[in-house]
Amino acid sequence: MNKTDLIEHIAQQADISKAAAGRALDALIDGVSSTLRKGGSVTLVGFGTFAVSTRPAREGRNPRTGEAIKIKKARTPKFRPGKALKDAVN
């Protein structure tokens, strides 16, 4: 399912126009993104939690030359599924 398919599904389920469903989906994505950018987390009960984790700086290897390189620390988004989502999938 891609974004267009999801917008169509939202529009059908909520009985709203595709334009309104698209704006609602964009607002949701923007809200989650801005909260994660600030270091917060977003919990949707039954669905899951979006959060940010920090990977520490480490030393890696260039696969082509084998030379040691330094990899900077990075903040990465994570998603932890909720119980209801896990049960629905299994």
N, C-alpha and C. Protein backbone atom coordinates (compact mmCIF):
# COMPACT_ATOMS: atom_id res chain seq x y z
N MET A 1 0.86 -1.18 0.00
CA MET A 1 0.00 0.00 0.00
C MET A 1 0.90 1.23 0.00
N ASN A 2 0.63 2.17 -0.88
CA ASN A 2 1.38 3.41 -0.90
C ASN A 2 0.50 4.55 -0.37
N LYS A 3 1.03 5.77 -0.42
CA LYS A 3 0.32 6.91 0.16
C LYS A 3 -1.03 7.15 -0.53
N THR A 4 -1.07 7.01 -1.86
CA THR A 4 -2.32 7.21 -2.60
C THR A 4 -3.37 6.19 -2.20
N ASP A 5 -2.95 4.93 -2.06
CA ASP A 5 -3.88 3.88 -1.63
C ASP A 5 -4.40 4.17 -0.22
N LEU A 6 -3.51 4.63 0.64
CA LEU A 6 -3.91 4.93 2.01
C LEU A 6 -4.90 6.09 2.05
N ILE A 7 -4.67 7.11 1.23
CA ILE A 7 -5.61 8.24 1.16
C ILE A 7 -6.98 7.77 0.69
N GLU A 8 -7.01 6.91 -0.31
CA GLU A 8 -8.29 6.37 -0.79
C GLU A 8 -9.00 5.58 0.30
N HIS A 9 -8.23 4.79 1.05
CA HIS A 9 -8.82 3.99 2.14
C HIS A 9 -9.39 4.90 3.22
N ILE A 10 -8.64 5.92 3.61
CA ILE A 10 -9.12 6.86 4.64
C ILE A 10 -10.39 7.55 4.16
N ALA A 11 -10.39 7.99 2.91
CA ALA A 11 -11.55 8.69 2.36
C ALA A 11 -12.79 7.80 2.39
N GLN A 12 -12.62 6.53 2.04
CA GLN A 12 -13.76 5.59 2.05
C GLN A 12 -14.25 5.33 3.47
N GLN A 13 -13.33 5.03 4.38
CA GLN A 13 -13.70 4.67 5.74
C GLN A 13 -14.33 5.85 6.50
N ALA A 14 -13.81 7.05 6.28
CA ALA A 14 -14.30 8.21 7.02
C ALA A 14 -15.41 8.94 6.26
N ASP A 15 -15.72 8.49 5.05
CA ASP A 15 -16.74 9.12 4.22
C ASP A 15 -16.46 10.61 4.01
N ILE A 16 -15.21 10.89 3.61
CA ILE A 16 -14.78 12.26 3.30
C ILE A 16 -14.13 12.25 1.92
N SER A 17 -13.85 13.43 1.40
CA SER A 17 -13.23 13.52 0.08
C SER A 17 -11.77 13.09 0.15
N LYS A 18 -11.22 12.72 -1.01
CA LYS A 18 -9.81 12.33 -1.06
C LYS A 18 -8.91 13.51 -0.70
N ALA A 19 -9.32 14.72 -1.06
CA ALA A 19 -8.53 15.91 -0.73
C ALA A 19 -8.46 16.09 0.79
N ALA A 20 -9.59 15.93 1.46
CA ALA A 20 -9.62 16.06 2.92
C ALA A 20 -8.81 14.95 3.57
N ALA A 21 -8.92 13.74 3.03
CA ALA A 21 -8.15 12.61 3.58
C ALA A 21 -6.67 12.83 3.38
N GLY A 22 -6.28 13.40 2.24
CA GLY A 22 -4.87 13.70 1.98
C GLY A 22 -4.34 14.75 2.95
N ARG A 23 -5.14 15.77 3.21
CA ARG A 23 -4.72 16.80 4.18
C ARG A 23 -4.61 16.22 5.58
N ALA A 24 -5.54 15.33 5.95
CA ALA A 24 -5.49 14.71 7.28
C ALA A 24 -4.24 13.84 7.42
N LEU A 25 -3.93 13.06 6.39
CA LEU A 25 -2.75 12.21 6.44
C LEU A 25 -1.48 13.06 6.50
N ASP A 26 -1.41 14.12 5.70
CA ASP A 26 -0.25 15.02 5.73
C ASP A 26 -0.10 15.67 7.10
N ALA A 27 -1.21 16.03 7.74
CA ALA A 27 -1.17 16.64 9.07
C ALA A 27 -0.66 15.64 10.10
N LEU A 28 -1.07 14.39 9.98
CA LEU A 28 -0.60 13.35 10.89
C LEU A 28 0.90 13.15 10.73
N ILE A 29 1.35 13.02 9.50
CA ILE A 29 2.78 12.81 9.24
C ILE A 29 3.60 14.00 9.73
N ASP A 30 3.10 15.22 9.49
CA ASP A 30 3.80 16.42 9.93
C ASP A 30 3.86 16.49 11.46
N GLY A 31 2.76 16.13 12.12
CA GLY A 31 2.74 16.14 13.59
C GLY A 31 3.72 15.15 14.19
N VAL A 32 3.76 13.95 13.64
CA VAL A 32 4.70 12.94 14.14
C VAL A 32 6.13 13.40 13.88
N SER A 33 6.40 13.90 12.67
CA SER A 33 7.75 14.34 12.32
C SER A 33 8.24 15.47 13.22
N SER A 34 7.39 16.47 13.44
CA SER A 34 7.82 17.61 14.27
C SER A 34 8.03 17.20 15.72
N THR A 35 7.21 16.29 16.23
CA THR A 35 7.39 15.82 17.60
C THR A 35 8.70 15.04 17.73
N LEU A 36 8.99 14.18 16.76
CA LEU A 36 10.24 13.42 16.80
C LEU A 36 11.45 14.34 16.64
N ARG A 37 11.33 15.37 15.82
CA ARG A 37 12.42 16.32 15.62
C ARG A 37 12.78 17.00 16.94
N LYS A 38 11.76 17.24 17.78
CA LYS A 38 11.98 17.88 19.08
C LYS A 38 12.46 16.89 20.14
N GLY A 39 12.54 15.61 19.79
CA GLY A 39 13.01 14.61 20.73
C GLY A 39 11.91 13.91 21.51
N GLY A 40 10.65 14.20 21.20
CA GLY A 40 9.53 13.58 21.89
C GLY A 40 9.16 12.24 21.28
N SER A 41 8.07 11.69 21.75
CA SER A 41 7.57 10.43 21.20
C SER A 41 6.05 10.57 20.99
N VAL A 42 5.53 9.77 20.07
CA VAL A 42 4.10 9.78 19.76
C VAL A 42 3.57 8.38 20.00
N THR A 43 2.57 8.25 20.88
CA THR A 43 1.98 6.96 21.19
C THR A 43 0.55 6.94 20.70
N LEU A 44 0.24 5.97 19.85
CA LEU A 44 -1.13 5.73 19.40
C LEU A 44 -1.55 4.41 20.04
N VAL A 45 -2.38 4.50 21.06
CA VAL A 45 -2.76 3.34 21.85
C VAL A 45 -3.33 2.24 20.95
N GLY A 46 -2.78 1.05 21.09
CA GLY A 46 -3.21 -0.08 20.30
C GLY A 46 -2.45 -0.22 18.99
N PHE A 47 -1.87 0.87 18.50
CA PHE A 47 -1.13 0.83 17.23
C PHE A 47 0.36 0.74 17.47
N GLY A 48 0.91 1.70 18.23
CA GLY A 48 2.34 1.65 18.52
C GLY A 48 2.88 3.00 18.93
N THR A 49 4.21 3.04 19.09
CA THR A 49 4.88 4.25 19.55
C THR A 49 6.01 4.60 18.59
N PHE A 50 6.02 5.86 18.17
CA PHE A 50 7.12 6.41 17.39
C PHE A 50 8.03 7.15 18.36
N ALA A 51 9.33 6.89 18.31
CA ALA A 51 10.27 7.54 19.21
C ALA A 51 11.60 7.73 18.48
N VAL A 52 12.49 8.50 19.10
CA VAL A 52 13.81 8.74 18.54
C VAL A 52 14.83 8.07 19.45
N SER A 53 15.78 7.36 18.84
CA SER A 53 16.87 6.80 19.62
C SER A 53 18.18 7.33 19.06
N THR A 54 19.20 7.33 19.88
CA THR A 54 20.49 7.84 19.47
C THR A 54 21.48 6.69 19.37
N ARG A 55 22.09 6.57 18.19
CA ARG A 55 23.15 5.58 18.01
C ARG A 55 24.46 6.27 18.33
N PRO A 56 25.30 5.68 19.18
CA PRO A 56 26.55 6.34 19.54
C PRO A 56 27.54 6.35 18.37
N ALA A 57 28.52 7.25 18.47
CA ALA A 57 29.60 7.28 17.48
C ALA A 57 30.38 5.97 17.61
N ARG A 58 30.89 5.50 16.47
CA ARG A 58 31.62 4.24 16.50
C ARG A 58 32.64 4.21 15.37
N GLU A 59 33.47 3.22 15.40
CA GLU A 59 34.46 3.06 14.34
C GLU A 59 33.99 1.96 13.40
N GLY A 60 34.07 2.22 12.12
CA GLY A 60 33.66 1.24 11.12
C GLY A 60 34.78 1.00 10.13
N ARG A 61 34.49 0.23 9.10
CA ARG A 61 35.48 -0.07 8.07
C ARG A 61 34.91 0.26 6.70
N ASN A 62 35.75 0.83 5.84
CA ASN A 62 35.39 1.04 4.45
C ASN A 62 35.45 -0.33 3.79
N PRO A 63 34.32 -0.84 3.26
CA PRO A 63 34.33 -2.20 2.72
C PRO A 63 35.24 -2.36 1.50
N ARG A 64 35.49 -1.30 0.77
CA ARG A 64 36.33 -1.39 -0.42
C ARG A 64 37.81 -1.48 -0.07
N THR A 65 38.25 -0.64 0.90
CA THR A 65 39.68 -0.57 1.20
C THR A 65 40.05 -1.23 2.53
N GLY A 66 39.06 -1.44 3.40
CA GLY A 66 39.35 -1.99 4.72
C GLY A 66 39.86 -0.95 5.69
N GLU A 67 39.93 0.31 5.24
CA GLU A 67 40.43 1.40 6.07
C GLU A 67 39.43 1.73 7.18
N ALA A 68 39.94 2.00 8.39
CA ALA A 68 39.08 2.37 9.52
C ALA A 68 38.53 3.77 9.30
N ILE A 69 37.23 3.95 9.56
CA ILE A 69 36.60 5.26 9.45
C ILE A 69 35.79 5.52 10.71
N LYS A 70 35.59 6.80 10.99
CA LYS A 70 34.78 7.18 12.14
C LYS A 70 33.37 7.46 11.67
N ILE A 71 32.40 6.86 12.34
CA ILE A 71 30.99 7.08 12.03
C ILE A 71 30.42 7.94 13.16
N LYS A 72 29.83 9.09 12.78
CA LYS A 72 29.31 10.02 13.77
C LYS A 72 28.06 9.44 14.46
N LYS A 73 27.77 9.97 15.65
CA LYS A 73 26.54 9.56 16.31
C LYS A 73 25.37 10.05 15.49
N ALA A 74 24.25 9.34 15.58
CA ALA A 74 23.08 9.68 14.77
C ALA A 74 21.81 9.45 15.55
N ARG A 75 20.83 10.31 15.30
CA ARG A 75 19.49 10.12 15.86
C ARG A 75 18.65 9.44 14.81
N THR A 76 17.96 8.37 15.18
CA THR A 76 17.16 7.64 14.21
C THR A 76 15.74 7.43 14.75
N PRO A 77 14.75 7.51 13.87
CA PRO A 77 13.38 7.24 14.30
C PRO A 77 13.17 5.74 14.47
N LYS A 78 12.40 5.37 15.45
CA LYS A 78 12.07 3.97 15.72
C LYS A 78 10.56 3.84 15.87
N PHE A 79 10.05 2.66 15.56
CA PHE A 79 8.63 2.37 15.77
C PHE A 79 8.52 1.08 16.55
N ARG A 80 7.78 1.12 17.65
CA ARG A 80 7.52 -0.07 18.46
C ARG A 80 6.05 -0.39 18.35
N PRO A 81 5.69 -1.50 17.72
CA PRO A 81 4.26 -1.82 17.55
C PRO A 81 3.58 -2.11 18.89
N GLY A 82 2.30 -1.76 18.96
CA GLY A 82 1.51 -2.03 20.16
C GLY A 82 0.93 -3.43 20.13
N LYS A 83 0.37 -3.87 21.24
CA LYS A 83 -0.16 -5.22 21.37
C LYS A 83 -1.27 -5.50 20.35
N ALA A 84 -2.18 -4.56 20.16
CA ALA A 84 -3.29 -4.79 19.24
C ALA A 84 -2.79 -4.98 17.81
N LEU A 85 -1.77 -4.23 17.41
CA LEU A 85 -1.20 -4.37 16.06
C LEU A 85 -0.50 -5.72 15.93
N LYS A 86 0.25 -6.11 16.95
CA LYS A 86 0.91 -7.42 16.92
C LYS A 86 -0.10 -8.54 16.82
N ASP A 87 -1.19 -8.43 17.60
CA ASP A 87 -2.23 -9.47 17.56
C ASP A 87 -2.92 -9.51 16.20
N ALA A 88 -3.14 -8.36 15.59
CA ALA A 88 -3.80 -8.31 14.29
C ALA A 88 -2.95 -8.96 13.20
N VAL A 89 -1.64 -8.81 13.31
CA VAL A 89 -0.74 -9.38 12.32
C VAL A 89 -0.58 -10.89 12.52
N ASN A 90 -0.56 -11.31 13.76
CA ASN A 90 -0.40 -12.74 14.05
C ASN A 90 -1.73 -13.37 14.13
